[in-house]
Amino acid sequence: MPKIRIKSVQCTTPDEIDKDEMYLKMDGKKIWPEGERYHRVDTGDVSSVNLDLEVKEGWNEIEVWDFDFVSANNLLGVFKFKVDLTPGDYSTSMKLLERDSTASYLLFWEILDKDGNSVT
């Protein structure tokens, strides 16, 4: 299986006025931030993720969630990206899923070589 590295996530526009309490999920499991419920982000913030994952070749998805203290957490959107065996750097825009949301995020990621090393 190919290996990727999630390098960072950039919040272009948060969903909430007072910052988003954002976290990432893949295949129904929270993958980031590790050891915390969420990571607070605001307009323009670039958050270092630095997470290596084994993924299937072809289309993959990472969900962007907003943690809520009072009500159910909100699925803001999803990063859909295609993984092949070509190492290198990539970026993906979030597809917005939450109705009436203003959220906008970018995912910066890399396909690692066959030995799991960065080529950049």
C-alpha atoms as a PDB file:
ATOM      1  CA  MET A   1       0.000   0.000   0.000  1.00  0.00           C
ATOM      2  CA  PRO A   2       1.206   3.521  -0.730  1.00  0.00           C
ATOM      3  CA  LYS A   3       2.303   5.754   2.137  1.00  0.00           C
ATOM      4  CA  ILE A   4       1.447   9.421   2.372  1.00  0.00           C
ATOM      5  CA  ARG A   5       2.431  12.184   4.740  1.00  0.00           C
ATOM      6  CA  ILE A   6      -0.162  14.755   5.738  1.00  0.00           C
ATOM      7  CA  LYS A   7       2.086  17.794   6.059  1.00  0.00           C
ATOM      8  CA  SER A   8      -0.321  20.551   7.071  1.00  0.00           C
ATOM      9  CA  VAL A   9      -3.830  21.962   6.942  1.00  0.00           C
ATOM     10  CA  GLN A  10      -4.562  25.601   6.178  1.00  0.00           C
ATOM     11  CA  CYS A  11      -7.753  27.311   7.293  1.00  0.00           C
ATOM     12  CA  THR A  12      -8.633  29.760   4.541  1.00  0.00           C
ATOM     13  CA  THR A  13     -11.959  30.681   6.166  1.00  0.00           C
ATOM     14  CA  PRO A  14     -13.301  29.258   9.451  1.00  0.00           C
ATOM     15  CA  ASP A  15     -16.893  28.131   9.905  1.00  0.00           C
ATOM     16  CA  GLU A  16     -17.252  30.021  13.184  1.00  0.00           C
ATOM     17  CA  ILE A  17     -16.503  33.668  13.959  1.00  0.00           C
ATOM     18  CA  ASP A  18     -14.406  32.815  17.036  1.00  0.00           C
ATOM     19  CA  LYS A  19     -12.201  30.140  15.385  1.00  0.00           C
ATOM     20  CA  ASP A  20     -12.950  26.526  14.514  1.00  0.00           C
ATOM     21  CA  GLU A  21     -12.209  23.612  16.837  1.00  0.00           C
ATOM     22  CA  MET A  22     -11.103  21.423  13.926  1.00  0.00           C
ATOM     23  CA  TYR A  23     -10.065  17.781  13.788  1.00  0.00           C
ATOM     24  CA  LEU A  24      -9.500  15.228  11.011  1.00  0.00           C
ATOM     25  CA  LYS A  25     -11.034  11.775  10.529  1.00  0.00           C
ATOM     26  CA  MET A  26     -10.330   8.985   8.055  1.00  0.00           C
ATOM     27  CA  ASP A  27     -12.316   5.768   7.679  1.00  0.00           C
ATOM     28  CA  GLY A  28     -14.489   6.767  10.635  1.00  0.00           C
ATOM     29  CA  LYS A  29     -11.549   7.269  13.019  1.00  0.00           C
ATOM     30  CA  LYS A  30     -10.051  10.492  14.346  1.00  0.00           C
ATOM     31  CA  ILE A  31      -6.487  10.777  13.048  1.00  0.00           C
ATOM     32  CA  TRP A  32      -5.487  14.299  14.145  1.00  0.00           C
ATOM     33  CA  PRO A  33      -4.712  16.035  16.443  1.00  0.00           C
ATOM     34  CA  GLU A  34      -3.298  13.216  18.500  1.00  0.00           C
ATOM     35  CA  GLY A  35      -3.835  13.505  22.258  1.00  0.00           C
ATOM     36  CA  GLU A  36      -6.276  16.416  21.955  1.00  0.00           C
ATOM     37  CA  ARG A  37      -9.971  16.698  21.091  1.00  0.00           C
ATOM     38  CA  TYR A  38      -9.416  19.422  18.488  1.00  0.00           C
ATOM     39  CA  HIS A  39      -7.061  22.087  17.171  1.00  0.00           C
ATOM     40  CA  ARG A  40      -8.220  25.728  17.164  1.00  0.00           C
ATOM     41  CA  VAL A  41      -7.735  27.516  13.830  1.00  0.00           C
ATOM     42  CA  ASP A  42      -8.588  30.900  12.380  1.00  0.00           C
ATOM     43  CA  THR A  43      -8.339  32.621   9.000  1.00  0.00           C
ATOM     44  CA  GLY A  44      -4.965  31.972   7.376  1.00  0.00           C
ATOM     45  CA  ASP A  45      -3.669  29.599  10.055  1.00  0.00           C
ATOM     46  CA  VAL A  46      -1.437  26.797   8.755  1.00  0.00           C
ATOM     47  CA  SER A  47      -1.330  23.885  11.190  1.00  0.00           C
ATOM     48  CA  SER A  48       1.523  21.398  10.988  1.00  0.00           C
ATOM     49  CA  VAL A  49       0.170  17.837  11.008  1.00  0.00           C
ATOM     50  CA  ASN A  50       3.198  15.717  10.009  1.00  0.00           C
ATOM     51  CA  LEU A  51       1.285  12.412  10.019  1.00  0.00           C
ATOM     52  CA  ASP A  52       2.274   9.357   7.954  1.00  0.00           C
ATOM     53  CA  LEU A  53      -0.506   7.031   6.800  1.00  0.00           C
ATOM     54  CA  GLU A  54      -0.781   3.888   4.729  1.00  0.00           C
ATOM     55  CA  VAL A  55      -3.633   4.354   2.277  1.00  0.00           C
ATOM     56  CA  LYS A  56      -5.145   2.456  -0.590  1.00  0.00           C
ATOM     57  CA  GLU A  57      -4.100   3.259  -4.123  1.00  0.00           C
ATOM     58  CA  GLY A  58      -6.777   5.343  -5.830  1.00  0.00           C
ATOM     59  CA  TRP A  59      -9.271   7.737  -4.253  1.00  0.00           C
ATOM     60  CA  ASN A  60      -9.061   8.505  -0.539  1.00  0.00           C
ATOM     61  CA  GLU A  61     -10.965  10.861   1.754  1.00  0.00           C
ATOM     62  CA  ILE A  62     -10.135  12.767   4.919  1.00  0.00           C
ATOM     63  CA  GLU A  63     -12.985  14.467   6.737  1.00  0.00           C
ATOM     64  CA  VAL A  64     -12.780  17.884   8.391  1.00  0.00           C
ATOM     65  CA  TRP A  65     -14.879  18.124  11.550  1.00  0.00           C
ATOM     66  CA  ASP A  66     -15.679  20.997  13.915  1.00  0.00           C
ATOM     67  CA  PHE A  67     -15.910  20.058  17.600  1.00  0.00           C
ATOM     68  CA  ASP A  68     -18.939  21.482  19.417  1.00  0.00           C
ATOM     69  CA  PHE A  69     -19.237  21.626  23.195  1.00  0.00           C
ATOM     70  CA  VAL A  70     -23.040  21.944  23.357  1.00  0.00           C
ATOM     71  CA  SER A  71     -24.396  20.140  20.286  1.00  0.00           C
ATOM     72  CA  ALA A  72     -23.270  17.356  17.953  1.00  0.00           C
ATOM     73  CA  ASN A  73     -19.960  17.841  16.132  1.00  0.00           C
ATOM     74  CA  ASN A  74     -20.255  19.139  12.556  1.00  0.00           C
ATOM     75  CA  LEU A  75     -18.816  17.504   9.445  1.00  0.00           C
ATOM     76  CA  LEU A  76     -17.605  20.609   7.612  1.00  0.00           C
ATOM     77  CA  GLY A  77     -16.248  18.938   4.508  1.00  0.00           C
ATOM     78  CA  VAL A  78     -13.990  16.371   2.950  1.00  0.00           C
ATOM     79  CA  PHE A  79     -10.630  16.289   1.214  1.00  0.00           C
ATOM     80  CA  LYS A  80     -10.869  13.876  -1.734  1.00  0.00           C
ATOM     81  CA  PHE A  81      -7.536  12.975  -3.281  1.00  0.00           C
ATOM     82  CA  LYS A  82      -6.102  10.312  -5.564  1.00  0.00           C
ATOM     83  CA  VAL A  83      -3.003   8.396  -4.521  1.00  0.00           C
ATOM     84  CA  ASP A  84      -0.794   6.586  -7.011  1.00  0.00           C
ATOM     85  CA  LEU A  85       2.826   5.474  -6.865  1.00  0.00           C
ATOM     86  CA  THR A  86       4.285   8.816  -8.021  1.00  0.00           C
ATOM     87  CA  PRO A  87       6.119  10.386  -5.061  1.00  0.00           C
ATOM     88  CA  GLY A  88       5.841  14.132  -4.610  1.00  0.00           C
ATOM     89  CA  ASP A  89       3.998  17.057  -3.010  1.00  0.00           C
ATOM     90  CA  TYR A  90       0.298  17.742  -3.538  1.00  0.00           C
ATOM     91  CA  SER A  91      -2.465  19.967  -2.216  1.00  0.00           C
ATOM     92  CA  THR A  92      -6.207  19.432  -2.097  1.00  0.00           C
ATOM     93  CA  SER A  93      -9.103  21.821  -1.424  1.00  0.00           C
ATOM     94  CA  MET A  94     -11.883  20.802   0.909  1.00  0.00           C
ATOM     95  CA  LYS A  95     -15.270  20.022  -0.613  1.00  0.00           C
ATOM     96  CA  LEU A  96     -17.789  21.797   1.603  1.00  0.00           C
ATOM     97  CA  LEU A  97     -20.519  19.538   3.006  1.00  0.00           C
ATOM     98  CA  GLU A  98     -22.132  21.512   5.814  1.00  0.00           C
ATOM     99  CA  ARG A  99     -25.119  23.540   4.663  1.00  0.00           C
ATOM    100  CA  ASP A 100     -24.757  27.336   5.028  1.00  0.00           C
ATOM    101  CA  SER A 101     -21.121  27.024   6.112  1.00  0.00           C
ATOM    102  CA  THR A 102     -18.361  29.429   5.113  1.00  0.00           C
ATOM    103  CA  ALA A 103     -15.547  27.006   5.948  1.00  0.00           C
ATOM    104  CA  SER A 104     -12.662  26.627   3.530  1.00  0.00           C
ATOM    105  CA  TYR A 105      -9.570  24.480   4.129  1.00  0.00           C
ATOM    106  CA  LEU A 106      -6.543  23.241   2.166  1.00  0.00           C
ATOM    107  CA  LEU A 107      -4.670  19.992   2.761  1.00  0.00           C
ATOM    108  CA  PHE A 108      -0.955  19.778   1.951  1.00  0.00           C
ATOM    109  CA  TRP A 109       0.272  16.211   1.574  1.00  0.00           C
ATOM    110  CA  GLU A 110       2.933  14.077  -0.013  1.00  0.00           C
ATOM    111  CA  ILE A 111       3.198  10.613  -1.536  1.00  0.00           C
ATOM    112  CA  LEU A 112       6.286   8.968  -0.036  1.00  0.00           C
ATOM    113  CA  ASP A 113       8.646   6.731  -2.017  1.00  0.00           C
ATOM    114  CA  LYS A 114       8.499   2.913  -1.806  1.00  0.00           C
ATOM    115  CA  ASP A 115      10.739   2.993   1.281  1.00  0.00           C
ATOM    116  CA  GLY A 116       8.490   5.512   3.048  1.00  0.00           C
ATOM    117  CA  ASN A 117      10.847   8.463   2.551  1.00  0.00           C
ATOM    118  CA  SER A 118      10.157  11.994   1.411  1.00  0.00           C
ATOM    119  CA  VAL A 119      11.461  12.931  -2.040  1.00  0.00           C
ATOM    120  CA  THR A 120      11.222  16.692  -1.477  1.00  0.00           C
END
